[in-house]
Amino acid sequence: MQYNGGAVVAMKGKGCVAIASDKRLGQQALTVSTEFPKVFPIHDKLYLGLSGLATDVITLSETFRYKVNMYSLNHERDIEPVTFANMVSSTLYEKRFGPYYCEPIVAGLNSKTNEPFICSMDVIGCINFAKDFVVGGTCGPNLYGMCESLYEPDLEPEELFEIVSQALVNAVDRDALSGWGAVVYIITADKVITRTLKCRQD
């Protein structure tokens, strides 16, 4: 879990949800890439964040892309966030005796009510449903501290972006294994706002 480093955070707002990650891919202390994606779109109102071993991040992102496409073909509708969270959980639990070294974070809006949904999981798929925020990656302890300090309930999209950005940028500054820029997605009922942040380049 510590080999490649990384940070992912998701946070609830008022009728919106945010998910953000850093961009670094490392080989322990050596930085290999500064453009490694850790957040993947499932559909317009649902995103998946993956922190952990980079090879498993890629494997799982492709696995879920296939499973979600099959679900859409079979059911002729987009998958709901809670359904997708259980799909992720069961996929990880299948491999519990030789697990994927990945801690997924699911963030999205219910397609009918636009109710925000976030959850995180451990490597064998135990779901942690949250009312406020969830974090993952080597930067997790730092993110917990920042989110606890800054989070407020019922934030508007712009306020939510500001809080998530400040939490992530300040947390990765204190973790040598993550950083080198960040990307933030704000999911609202009618659009997804994507913004790239510049962090310390060391």
N, C-alpha and C. Protein backbone atom coordinates (compact mmCIF):
# COMPACT_ATOMS: atom_id res chain seq x y z
N MET A 1 0.82 -1.21 0.00
CA MET A 1 0.00 0.00 0.00
C MET A 1 0.86 1.27 0.00
N GLN A 2 2.10 1.17 0.51
CA GLN A 2 2.97 2.36 0.60
C GLN A 2 3.88 2.52 -0.61
N TYR A 3 3.94 1.53 -1.48
CA TYR A 3 4.98 1.51 -2.52
C TYR A 3 4.88 2.67 -3.50
N ASN A 4 3.68 2.97 -4.00
CA ASN A 4 3.50 4.01 -5.02
C ASN A 4 3.03 5.35 -4.45
N GLY A 5 2.52 5.35 -3.23
CA GLY A 5 2.04 6.60 -2.62
C GLY A 5 0.75 7.09 -3.25
N GLY A 6 0.19 8.16 -2.66
CA GLY A 6 -1.02 8.74 -3.24
C GLY A 6 -1.99 9.23 -2.19
N ALA A 7 -2.97 10.01 -2.66
CA ALA A 7 -3.99 10.57 -1.77
C ALA A 7 -5.29 10.73 -2.53
N VAL A 8 -6.38 10.26 -1.94
CA VAL A 8 -7.72 10.44 -2.53
C VAL A 8 -8.66 10.88 -1.41
N VAL A 9 -9.53 11.85 -1.71
CA VAL A 9 -10.51 12.32 -0.71
C VAL A 9 -11.84 12.58 -1.41
N ALA A 10 -12.94 12.26 -0.74
CA ALA A 10 -14.28 12.58 -1.24
C ALA A 10 -15.05 13.26 -0.12
N MET A 11 -15.91 14.23 -0.49
CA MET A 11 -16.62 15.03 0.51
C MET A 11 -18.02 15.37 0.01
N LYS A 12 -18.98 15.35 0.94
CA LYS A 12 -20.37 15.70 0.59
C LYS A 12 -20.61 17.20 0.70
N GLY A 13 -21.47 17.70 -0.19
CA GLY A 13 -21.94 19.08 -0.10
C GLY A 13 -23.46 19.10 -0.14
N LYS A 14 -24.02 20.25 -0.45
CA LYS A 14 -25.47 20.40 -0.56
C LYS A 14 -25.88 20.13 -2.00
N GLY A 15 -26.42 18.93 -2.25
CA GLY A 15 -26.80 18.55 -3.61
C GLY A 15 -25.61 18.36 -4.54
N CYS A 16 -24.43 18.20 -3.97
CA CYS A 16 -23.22 17.99 -4.78
C CYS A 16 -22.23 17.15 -3.98
N VAL A 17 -21.25 16.64 -4.68
CA VAL A 17 -20.22 15.84 -4.02
C VAL A 17 -18.89 16.10 -4.73
N ALA A 18 -17.80 16.04 -3.97
CA ALA A 18 -16.47 16.28 -4.54
C ALA A 18 -15.60 15.06 -4.35
N ILE A 19 -14.76 14.78 -5.34
CA ILE A 19 -13.74 13.74 -5.20
C ILE A 19 -12.46 14.28 -5.81
N ALA A 20 -11.35 14.10 -5.11
CA ALA A 20 -10.08 14.69 -5.55
C ALA A 20 -8.93 13.73 -5.25
N SER A 21 -7.86 13.86 -6.04
CA SER A 21 -6.66 13.04 -5.81
C SER A 21 -5.43 13.83 -6.22
N ASP A 22 -4.28 13.36 -5.73
CA ASP A 22 -3.02 13.92 -6.21
C ASP A 22 -2.66 13.24 -7.53
N LYS A 23 -1.54 13.65 -8.15
CA LYS A 23 -1.20 13.13 -9.49
C LYS A 23 0.09 12.32 -9.50
N ARG A 24 0.72 12.14 -8.36
CA ARG A 24 2.04 11.50 -8.34
C ARG A 24 1.96 9.98 -8.44
N LEU A 25 2.84 9.42 -9.26
CA LEU A 25 3.11 7.98 -9.25
C LEU A 25 4.56 7.82 -8.84
N GLY A 26 4.78 7.15 -7.73
CA GLY A 26 6.15 6.99 -7.22
C GLY A 26 6.56 5.54 -7.16
N GLN A 27 7.88 5.38 -7.05
CA GLN A 27 8.45 4.06 -6.75
C GLN A 27 9.19 4.28 -5.45
N GLN A 28 8.45 4.17 -4.34
CA GLN A 28 8.88 4.63 -3.03
C GLN A 28 9.23 6.12 -3.11
N ALA A 29 10.48 6.52 -2.82
CA ALA A 29 10.81 7.96 -2.80
C ALA A 29 11.06 8.53 -4.20
N LEU A 30 11.20 7.67 -5.19
CA LEU A 30 11.47 8.13 -6.57
C LEU A 30 10.16 8.46 -7.28
N THR A 31 10.05 9.67 -7.82
CA THR A 31 8.85 10.05 -8.58
C THR A 31 9.01 9.58 -10.02
N VAL A 32 8.07 8.76 -10.48
CA VAL A 32 8.11 8.18 -11.82
C VAL A 32 7.28 9.01 -12.79
N SER A 33 6.10 9.45 -12.33
CA SER A 33 5.21 10.24 -13.19
C SER A 33 4.46 11.27 -12.36
N THR A 34 4.10 12.39 -12.99
CA THR A 34 3.31 13.41 -12.29
C THR A 34 1.94 13.58 -12.97
N GLU A 35 1.53 12.56 -13.75
CA GLU A 35 0.22 12.62 -14.43
C GLU A 35 -0.48 11.27 -14.33
N PHE A 36 -0.46 10.66 -13.15
CA PHE A 36 -1.07 9.33 -12.99
C PHE A 36 -2.50 9.47 -12.47
N PRO A 37 -3.51 9.02 -13.24
CA PRO A 37 -4.90 9.19 -12.79
C PRO A 37 -5.27 8.23 -11.66
N LYS A 38 -5.96 8.75 -10.65
CA LYS A 38 -6.43 7.91 -9.54
C LYS A 38 -7.95 8.02 -9.38
N VAL A 39 -8.58 8.93 -10.15
CA VAL A 39 -10.03 9.09 -10.11
C VAL A 39 -10.58 8.80 -11.50
N PHE A 40 -11.59 7.92 -11.57
CA PHE A 40 -12.10 7.45 -12.86
C PHE A 40 -13.61 7.69 -12.94
N PRO A 41 -14.08 8.26 -14.07
CA PRO A 41 -15.52 8.46 -14.24
C PRO A 41 -16.23 7.14 -14.54
N ILE A 42 -17.31 6.87 -13.82
CA ILE A 42 -18.13 5.68 -14.09
C ILE A 42 -19.28 6.09 -15.01
N HIS A 43 -19.96 7.17 -14.66
CA HIS A 43 -20.87 7.89 -15.57
C HIS A 43 -20.94 9.33 -15.08
N ASP A 44 -21.83 10.14 -15.65
CA ASP A 44 -21.85 11.58 -15.37
C ASP A 44 -22.02 11.93 -13.89
N LYS A 45 -22.68 11.06 -13.13
CA LYS A 45 -22.95 11.38 -11.73
C LYS A 45 -22.24 10.44 -10.75
N LEU A 46 -21.24 9.72 -11.23
CA LEU A 46 -20.58 8.73 -10.38
C LEU A 46 -19.10 8.61 -10.73
N TYR A 47 -18.25 8.73 -9.71
CA TYR A 47 -16.79 8.63 -9.90
C TYR A 47 -16.20 7.66 -8.88
N LEU A 48 -15.09 7.04 -9.29
CA LEU A 48 -14.39 6.06 -8.44
C LEU A 48 -12.95 6.52 -8.23
N GLY A 49 -12.55 6.61 -6.98
CA GLY A 49 -11.16 6.93 -6.65
C GLY A 49 -10.44 5.68 -6.17
N LEU A 50 -9.23 5.45 -6.66
CA LEU A 50 -8.46 4.26 -6.29
C LEU A 50 -7.08 4.68 -5.79
N SER A 51 -6.75 4.31 -4.54
CA SER A 51 -5.42 4.58 -4.01
C SER A 51 -4.79 3.27 -3.60
N GLY A 52 -3.49 3.14 -3.84
CA GLY A 52 -2.80 1.91 -3.48
C GLY A 52 -1.75 1.55 -4.53
N LEU A 53 -1.56 0.26 -4.76
CA LEU A 53 -0.57 -0.22 -5.72
C LEU A 53 -1.01 0.13 -7.14
N ALA A 54 -0.13 0.80 -7.90
CA ALA A 54 -0.52 1.35 -9.21
C ALA A 54 -1.01 0.29 -10.18
N THR A 55 -0.39 -0.89 -10.19
CA THR A 55 -0.83 -1.95 -11.11
C THR A 55 -2.25 -2.39 -10.80
N ASP A 56 -2.60 -2.45 -9.50
CA ASP A 56 -3.96 -2.83 -9.09
C ASP A 56 -4.95 -1.70 -9.37
N VAL A 57 -4.50 -0.46 -9.29
CA VAL A 57 -5.36 0.68 -9.65
C VAL A 57 -5.79 0.55 -11.10
N ILE A 58 -4.84 0.27 -11.99
CA ILE A 58 -5.14 0.13 -13.42
C ILE A 58 -6.04 -1.08 -13.66
N THR A 59 -5.70 -2.22 -13.04
CA THR A 59 -6.48 -3.45 -13.21
C THR A 59 -7.93 -3.24 -12.76
N LEU A 60 -8.12 -2.66 -11.58
CA LEU A 60 -9.47 -2.47 -11.05
C LEU A 60 -10.27 -1.45 -11.86
N SER A 61 -9.62 -0.38 -12.31
CA SER A 61 -10.36 0.62 -13.10
C SER A 61 -10.90 0.00 -14.38
N GLU A 62 -10.10 -0.87 -15.02
CA GLU A 62 -10.56 -1.55 -16.24
C GLU A 62 -11.63 -2.60 -15.93
N THR A 63 -11.46 -3.30 -14.81
CA THR A 63 -12.46 -4.31 -14.39
C THR A 63 -13.82 -3.66 -14.17
N PHE A 64 -13.83 -2.52 -13.47
CA PHE A 64 -15.11 -1.86 -13.19
C PHE A 64 -15.70 -1.20 -14.42
N ARG A 65 -14.84 -0.75 -15.34
CA ARG A 65 -15.35 -0.20 -16.61
C ARG A 65 -16.13 -1.29 -17.36
N TYR A 66 -15.56 -2.50 -17.40
CA TYR A 66 -16.23 -3.64 -18.05
C TYR A 66 -17.53 -3.99 -17.33
N LYS A 67 -17.47 -4.11 -15.98
CA LYS A 67 -18.66 -4.53 -15.22
C LYS A 67 -19.80 -3.51 -15.34
N VAL A 68 -19.45 -2.21 -15.32
CA VAL A 68 -20.47 -1.17 -15.42
C VAL A 68 -21.09 -1.16 -16.82
N ASN A 69 -20.27 -1.36 -17.85
CA ASN A 69 -20.80 -1.45 -19.22
C ASN A 69 -21.76 -2.62 -19.36
N MET A 70 -21.42 -3.76 -18.76
CA MET A 70 -22.30 -4.93 -18.80
C MET A 70 -23.61 -4.65 -18.05
N TYR A 71 -23.50 -3.97 -16.91
CA TYR A 71 -24.70 -3.60 -16.13
C TYR A 71 -25.60 -2.70 -16.97
N SER A 72 -25.02 -1.71 -17.63
CA SER A 72 -25.80 -0.76 -18.45
C SER A 72 -26.50 -1.48 -19.60
N LEU A 73 -25.80 -2.44 -20.21
CA LEU A 73 -26.40 -3.21 -21.31
C LEU A 73 -27.56 -4.06 -20.81
N ASN A 74 -27.38 -4.68 -19.65
CA ASN A 74 -28.41 -5.58 -19.12
C ASN A 74 -29.62 -4.82 -18.59
N HIS A 75 -29.39 -3.70 -17.92
CA HIS A 75 -30.48 -3.00 -17.22
C HIS A 75 -30.99 -1.77 -17.96
N GLU A 76 -30.25 -1.37 -19.00
CA GLU A 76 -30.62 -0.22 -19.83
C GLU A 76 -30.78 1.07 -19.02
N ARG A 77 -29.92 1.26 -18.05
CA ARG A 77 -29.87 2.50 -17.26
C ARG A 77 -28.51 2.59 -16.58
N ASP A 78 -28.19 3.80 -16.10
CA ASP A 78 -26.93 3.99 -15.35
C ASP A 78 -27.02 3.33 -13.99
N ILE A 79 -25.88 2.86 -13.52
CA ILE A 79 -25.82 2.21 -12.20
C ILE A 79 -25.91 3.28 -11.10
N GLU A 80 -26.65 2.96 -10.03
CA GLU A 80 -26.77 3.88 -8.89
C GLU A 80 -25.50 3.77 -8.02
N PRO A 81 -25.13 4.85 -7.31
CA PRO A 81 -23.91 4.83 -6.49
C PRO A 81 -23.88 3.70 -5.46
N VAL A 82 -25.01 3.46 -4.75
CA VAL A 82 -25.01 2.42 -3.72
C VAL A 82 -24.87 1.03 -4.34
N THR A 83 -25.46 0.83 -5.52
CA THR A 83 -25.33 -0.44 -6.24
C THR A 83 -23.88 -0.64 -6.68
N PHE A 84 -23.29 0.43 -7.20
CA PHE A 84 -21.89 0.35 -7.65
C PHE A 84 -20.95 0.07 -6.48
N ALA A 85 -21.22 0.70 -5.33
CA ALA A 85 -20.39 0.46 -4.14
C ALA A 85 -20.42 -1.02 -3.75
N ASN A 86 -21.60 -1.63 -3.82
CA ASN A 86 -21.70 -3.06 -3.50
C ASN A 86 -21.02 -3.93 -4.56
N MET A 87 -21.05 -3.49 -5.83
CA MET A 87 -20.34 -4.20 -6.89
C MET A 87 -18.83 -4.18 -6.62
N VAL A 88 -18.32 -3.00 -6.24
CA VAL A 88 -16.89 -2.86 -5.92
C VAL A 88 -16.54 -3.75 -4.72
N SER A 89 -17.38 -3.70 -3.69
CA SER A 89 -17.14 -4.47 -2.47
C SER A 89 -17.07 -5.97 -2.76
N SER A 90 -18.03 -6.48 -3.54
CA SER A 90 -18.05 -7.93 -3.83
C SER A 90 -16.88 -8.34 -4.71
N THR A 91 -16.46 -7.45 -5.62
CA THR A 91 -15.30 -7.74 -6.48
C THR A 91 -14.04 -7.87 -5.64
N LEU A 92 -13.86 -6.98 -4.66
CA LEU A 92 -12.68 -7.06 -3.79
C LEU A 92 -12.75 -8.29 -2.88
N TYR A 93 -13.95 -8.59 -2.38
CA TYR A 93 -14.09 -9.71 -1.45
C TYR A 93 -13.83 -11.05 -2.14
N GLU A 94 -14.12 -11.13 -3.43
CA GLU A 94 -13.82 -12.35 -4.20
C GLU A 94 -12.34 -12.71 -4.10
N LYS A 95 -11.48 -11.69 -4.01
CA LYS A 95 -10.03 -11.90 -4.00
C LYS A 95 -9.44 -11.76 -2.60
N ARG A 96 -10.25 -12.02 -1.57
CA ARG A 96 -9.82 -11.74 -0.20
C ARG A 96 -8.58 -12.52 0.24
N PHE A 97 -8.32 -13.69 -0.37
CA PHE A 97 -7.16 -14.49 0.07
C PHE A 97 -5.87 -14.06 -0.63
N GLY A 98 -6.00 -13.25 -1.68
CA GLY A 98 -4.85 -12.63 -2.35
C GLY A 98 -5.33 -11.29 -2.86
N PRO A 99 -5.52 -10.33 -1.94
CA PRO A 99 -6.31 -9.14 -2.29
C PRO A 99 -5.61 -8.18 -3.25
N TYR A 100 -6.44 -7.37 -3.91
CA TYR A 100 -5.91 -6.21 -4.63
C TYR A 100 -5.45 -5.21 -3.57
N TYR A 101 -4.27 -4.65 -3.75
CA TYR A 101 -3.77 -3.66 -2.78
C TYR A 101 -4.29 -2.28 -3.16
N CYS A 102 -5.57 -2.10 -2.92
CA CYS A 102 -6.26 -0.89 -3.34
C CYS A 102 -7.37 -0.56 -2.35
N GLU A 103 -7.54 0.71 -2.05
CA GLU A 103 -8.64 1.14 -1.18
C GLU A 103 -9.55 2.07 -1.98
N PRO A 104 -10.65 1.55 -2.53
CA PRO A 104 -11.53 2.37 -3.38
C PRO A 104 -12.35 3.39 -2.58
N ILE A 105 -12.64 4.49 -3.24
CA ILE A 105 -13.56 5.51 -2.71
C ILE A 105 -14.60 5.78 -3.80
N VAL A 106 -15.87 5.68 -3.44
CA VAL A 106 -16.96 5.91 -4.40
C VAL A 106 -17.65 7.23 -4.04
N ALA A 107 -17.87 8.07 -5.05
CA ALA A 107 -18.56 9.35 -4.83
C ALA A 107 -19.52 9.60 -5.98
N GLY A 108 -20.75 9.96 -5.66
CA GLY A 108 -21.72 10.21 -6.73
C GLY A 108 -23.03 10.77 -6.20
N LEU A 109 -23.94 10.98 -7.13
CA LEU A 109 -25.29 11.47 -6.80
C LEU A 109 -26.32 10.44 -7.24
N ASN A 110 -27.35 10.26 -6.43
CA ASN A 110 -28.47 9.40 -6.82
C ASN A 110 -29.15 9.99 -8.05
N SER A 111 -29.43 9.16 -9.06
CA SER A 111 -29.93 9.68 -10.34
C SER A 111 -31.33 10.31 -10.22
N LYS A 112 -32.15 9.86 -9.26
CA LYS A 112 -33.51 10.41 -9.13
C LYS A 112 -33.56 11.60 -8.16
N THR A 113 -32.97 11.43 -6.99
CA THR A 113 -33.10 12.45 -5.93
C THR A 113 -31.91 13.41 -5.87
N ASN A 114 -30.81 13.08 -6.58
CA ASN A 114 -29.55 13.85 -6.52
C ASN A 114 -28.98 13.93 -5.10
N GLU A 115 -29.29 12.92 -4.30
CA GLU A 115 -28.74 12.82 -2.94
C GLU A 115 -27.25 12.46 -3.03
N PRO A 116 -26.36 13.20 -2.34
CA PRO A 116 -24.93 12.87 -2.39
C PRO A 116 -24.64 11.52 -1.71
N PHE A 117 -23.71 10.78 -2.27
CA PHE A 117 -23.32 9.48 -1.71
C PHE A 117 -21.80 9.37 -1.74
N ILE A 118 -21.20 9.02 -0.62
CA ILE A 118 -19.77 8.71 -0.58
C ILE A 118 -19.53 7.49 0.30
N CYS A 119 -18.52 6.72 -0.03
CA CYS A 119 -18.10 5.62 0.84
C CYS A 119 -16.66 5.24 0.51
N SER A 120 -16.03 4.58 1.46
CA SER A 120 -14.67 4.06 1.23
C SER A 120 -14.66 2.59 1.61
N MET A 121 -13.59 1.90 1.22
CA MET A 121 -13.48 0.47 1.52
C MET A 121 -12.04 0.10 1.87
N ASP A 122 -11.90 -1.02 2.57
CA ASP A 122 -10.54 -1.54 2.77
C ASP A 122 -10.23 -2.52 1.63
N VAL A 123 -9.10 -3.21 1.71
CA VAL A 123 -8.65 -4.03 0.59
C VAL A 123 -9.54 -5.25 0.32
N ILE A 124 -10.35 -5.68 1.31
CA ILE A 124 -11.23 -6.82 1.06
C ILE A 124 -12.70 -6.40 0.93
N GLY A 125 -12.94 -5.08 0.78
CA GLY A 125 -14.28 -4.63 0.40
C GLY A 125 -15.23 -4.30 1.53
N CYS A 126 -14.73 -4.12 2.76
CA CYS A 126 -15.61 -3.71 3.87
C CYS A 126 -15.99 -2.24 3.68
N ILE A 127 -17.29 -1.97 3.51
CA ILE A 127 -17.73 -0.61 3.16
C ILE A 127 -17.88 0.27 4.40
N ASN A 128 -17.37 1.50 4.28
CA ASN A 128 -17.54 2.52 5.31
C ASN A 128 -18.37 3.65 4.71
N PHE A 129 -19.69 3.64 5.02
CA PHE A 129 -20.56 4.73 4.55
C PHE A 129 -20.32 5.95 5.44
N ALA A 130 -20.23 7.14 4.83
CA ALA A 130 -19.92 8.34 5.61
C ALA A 130 -20.93 9.45 5.36
N LYS A 131 -21.13 10.30 6.37
CA LYS A 131 -22.04 11.43 6.25
C LYS A 131 -21.31 12.70 5.80
N ASP A 132 -19.97 12.72 5.96
CA ASP A 132 -19.24 13.95 5.69
C ASP A 132 -18.12 13.78 4.66
N PHE A 133 -17.11 12.98 4.96
CA PHE A 133 -15.99 12.79 4.03
C PHE A 133 -15.33 11.44 4.25
N VAL A 134 -14.60 10.98 3.23
CA VAL A 134 -13.80 9.76 3.33
C VAL A 134 -12.44 10.04 2.69
N VAL A 135 -11.40 9.34 3.17
CA VAL A 135 -10.04 9.56 2.65
C VAL A 135 -9.37 8.22 2.39
N GLY A 136 -8.32 8.25 1.57
CA GLY A 136 -7.57 7.04 1.28
C GLY A 136 -6.16 7.36 0.84
N GLY A 137 -5.28 6.36 0.87
CA GLY A 137 -3.90 6.54 0.41
C GLY A 137 -2.93 6.75 1.55
N THR A 138 -1.66 6.92 1.19
CA THR A 138 -0.61 7.09 2.21
C THR A 138 -0.80 8.40 2.97
N CYS A 139 -1.51 9.32 2.36
CA CYS A 139 -1.75 10.64 2.96
C CYS A 139 -3.00 10.65 3.85
N GLY A 140 -3.62 9.50 4.05
CA GLY A 140 -4.88 9.41 4.78
C GLY A 140 -4.90 10.08 6.15
N PRO A 141 -3.93 9.80 7.04
CA PRO A 141 -3.95 10.44 8.36
C PRO A 141 -3.90 11.97 8.29
N ASN A 142 -3.08 12.50 7.37
CA ASN A 142 -3.01 13.96 7.20
C ASN A 142 -4.34 14.52 6.70
N LEU A 143 -4.94 13.80 5.76
CA LEU A 143 -6.23 14.24 5.19
C LEU A 143 -7.32 14.25 6.26
N TYR A 144 -7.31 13.23 7.13
CA TYR A 144 -8.31 13.20 8.21
C TYR A 144 -8.23 14.48 9.05
N GLY A 145 -7.01 14.85 9.41
CA GLY A 145 -6.82 16.05 10.22
C GLY A 145 -7.31 17.30 9.53
N MET A 146 -6.96 17.46 8.25
CA MET A 146 -7.36 18.65 7.50
C MET A 146 -8.87 18.70 7.29
N CYS A 147 -9.46 17.55 6.93
CA CYS A 147 -10.91 17.50 6.68
C CYS A 147 -11.70 17.76 7.96
N GLU A 148 -11.24 17.20 9.07
CA GLU A 148 -11.91 17.44 10.36
C GLU A 148 -11.92 18.93 10.69
N SER A 149 -10.82 19.63 10.36
CA SER A 149 -10.72 21.05 10.68
C SER A 149 -11.60 21.90 9.77
N LEU A 150 -11.64 21.57 8.46
CA LEU A 150 -12.24 22.47 7.47
C LEU A 150 -13.68 22.14 7.10
N TYR A 151 -14.09 20.88 7.25
CA TYR A 151 -15.41 20.47 6.75
C TYR A 151 -16.56 21.17 7.48
N GLU A 152 -17.56 21.56 6.69
CA GLU A 152 -18.83 22.08 7.23
C GLU A 152 -19.96 21.41 6.45
N PRO A 153 -21.10 21.16 7.07
CA PRO A 153 -22.22 20.54 6.34
C PRO A 153 -22.86 21.51 5.35
N ASP A 154 -23.52 20.95 4.33
CA ASP A 154 -24.32 21.71 3.36
C ASP A 154 -23.54 22.80 2.63
N LEU A 155 -22.37 22.45 2.13
CA LEU A 155 -21.56 23.40 1.36
C LEU A 155 -22.06 23.48 -0.08
N GLU A 156 -22.09 24.69 -0.64
CA GLU A 156 -22.40 24.88 -2.05
C GLU A 156 -21.21 24.41 -2.89
N PRO A 157 -21.42 24.12 -4.20
CA PRO A 157 -20.33 23.57 -5.03
C PRO A 157 -19.01 24.36 -4.96
N GLU A 158 -19.05 25.69 -5.05
CA GLU A 158 -17.83 26.49 -5.03
C GLU A 158 -17.14 26.43 -3.66
N GLU A 159 -17.95 26.45 -2.60
CA GLU A 159 -17.38 26.35 -1.25
C GLU A 159 -16.77 24.96 -1.04
N LEU A 160 -17.46 23.95 -1.53
CA LEU A 160 -16.98 22.57 -1.42
C LEU A 160 -15.65 22.41 -2.14
N PHE A 161 -15.54 23.00 -3.33
CA PHE A 161 -14.28 22.95 -4.09
C PHE A 161 -13.15 23.58 -3.26
N GLU A 162 -13.41 24.71 -2.66
CA GLU A 162 -12.39 25.41 -1.87
C GLU A 162 -11.93 24.57 -0.69
N ILE A 163 -12.89 23.97 0.02
CA ILE A 163 -12.57 23.17 1.22
C ILE A 163 -11.76 21.92 0.84
N VAL A 164 -12.23 21.20 -0.19
CA VAL A 164 -11.53 19.98 -0.62
C VAL A 164 -10.12 20.32 -1.11
N SER A 165 -10.01 21.38 -1.88
CA SER A 165 -8.70 21.79 -2.42
C SER A 165 -7.72 22.12 -1.29
N GLN A 166 -8.18 22.92 -0.34
CA GLN A 166 -7.30 23.31 0.78
C GLN A 166 -6.89 22.08 1.59
N ALA A 167 -7.85 21.21 1.85
CA ALA A 167 -7.56 20.00 2.63
C ALA A 167 -6.52 19.13 1.92
N LEU A 168 -6.72 18.91 0.61
CA LEU A 168 -5.83 18.03 -0.14
C LEU A 168 -4.43 18.63 -0.29
N VAL A 169 -4.36 19.89 -0.71
CA VAL A 169 -3.06 20.53 -0.96
C VAL A 169 -2.24 20.60 0.33
N ASN A 170 -2.87 20.98 1.43
CA ASN A 170 -2.13 21.09 2.69
C ASN A 170 -1.75 19.72 3.27
N ALA A 171 -2.57 18.71 3.01
CA ALA A 171 -2.25 17.36 3.51
C ALA A 171 -1.08 16.75 2.73
N VAL A 172 -1.09 16.88 1.39
CA VAL A 172 -0.01 16.25 0.59
C VAL A 172 1.32 16.96 0.79
N ASP A 173 1.29 18.23 1.21
CA ASP A 173 2.54 18.95 1.52
C ASP A 173 3.30 18.28 2.67
N ARG A 174 2.58 17.52 3.48
CA ARG A 174 3.19 16.88 4.65
C ARG A 174 3.40 15.38 4.45
N ASP A 175 3.28 14.93 3.21
CA ASP A 175 3.49 13.51 2.90
C ASP A 175 4.44 13.39 1.71
N ALA A 176 5.60 12.79 1.92
CA ALA A 176 6.62 12.72 0.86
C ALA A 176 6.21 11.82 -0.30
N LEU A 177 5.24 10.92 -0.07
CA LEU A 177 4.88 9.95 -1.11
C LEU A 177 3.70 10.39 -1.98
N SER A 178 3.18 11.59 -1.75
CA SER A 178 2.08 12.07 -2.60
C SER A 178 2.26 13.55 -2.89
N GLY A 179 1.52 14.04 -3.89
CA GLY A 179 1.62 15.45 -4.26
C GLY A 179 1.80 15.65 -5.75
N TRP A 180 2.65 16.59 -6.13
CA TRP A 180 2.96 16.92 -7.53
C TRP A 180 1.69 17.27 -8.32
N GLY A 181 0.87 18.12 -7.73
CA GLY A 181 -0.35 18.52 -8.43
C GLY A 181 -1.54 17.70 -7.97
N ALA A 182 -2.72 18.20 -8.25
CA ALA A 182 -3.94 17.50 -7.84
C ALA A 182 -5.05 17.80 -8.83
N VAL A 183 -6.06 16.92 -8.84
CA VAL A 183 -7.23 17.13 -9.70
C VAL A 183 -8.49 16.98 -8.83
N VAL A 184 -9.43 17.90 -9.02
CA VAL A 184 -10.66 17.93 -8.21
C VAL A 184 -11.87 17.86 -9.13
N TYR A 185 -12.81 16.96 -8.80
CA TYR A 185 -14.06 16.85 -9.55
C TYR A 185 -15.21 17.23 -8.61
N ILE A 186 -16.02 18.20 -9.03
CA ILE A 186 -17.23 18.57 -8.28
C ILE A 186 -18.42 18.08 -9.10
N ILE A 187 -19.17 17.12 -8.55
CA ILE A 187 -20.30 16.52 -9.27
C ILE A 187 -21.59 17.18 -8.78
N THR A 188 -22.30 17.84 -9.68
CA THR A 188 -23.58 18.46 -9.36
C THR A 188 -24.67 17.79 -10.21
N ALA A 189 -25.92 18.19 -9.99
CA ALA A 189 -27.05 17.56 -10.68
C ALA A 189 -26.97 17.73 -12.19
N ASP A 190 -26.43 18.85 -12.66
CA ASP A 190 -26.44 19.11 -14.10
C ASP A 190 -25.07 19.14 -14.77
N LYS A 191 -23.99 19.10 -14.00
CA LYS A 191 -22.66 19.13 -14.63
C LYS A 191 -21.60 18.60 -13.69
N VAL A 192 -20.41 18.34 -14.26
CA VAL A 192 -19.23 17.97 -13.47
C VAL A 192 -18.17 19.03 -13.73
N ILE A 193 -17.69 19.67 -12.66
CA ILE A 193 -16.63 20.67 -12.79
C ILE A 193 -15.30 20.00 -12.47
N THR A 194 -14.36 20.07 -13.40
CA THR A 194 -13.04 19.47 -13.20
C THR A 194 -12.00 20.59 -13.14
N ARG A 195 -11.20 20.59 -12.07
CA ARG A 195 -10.16 21.61 -11.94
C ARG A 195 -8.85 20.95 -11.53
N THR A 196 -7.76 21.48 -12.09
CA THR A 196 -6.42 20.97 -11.77
C THR A 196 -5.72 21.98 -10.86
N LEU A 197 -5.10 21.47 -9.82
CA LEU A 197 -4.40 22.33 -8.86
C LEU A 197 -2.88 22.15 -8.99
N LYS A 198 -2.17 23.23 -8.78
CA LYS A 198 -0.71 23.15 -8.77
C LYS A 198 -0.26 23.09 -7.31
N CYS A 199 0.58 22.11 -7.00
CA CYS A 199 1.09 21.95 -5.64
C CYS A 199 2.61 22.15 -5.66
N ARG A 200 3.21 21.94 -4.51
CA ARG A 200 4.68 21.96 -4.45
C ARG A 200 5.25 20.89 -5.37
N GLN A 201 6.29 21.22 -6.10
CA GLN A 201 6.87 20.29 -7.07
C GLN A 201 8.14 19.62 -6.50
N ASP A 202 8.02 19.12 -5.30
CA ASP A 202 9.19 18.42 -4.72
C ASP A 202 8.71 17.23 -3.88
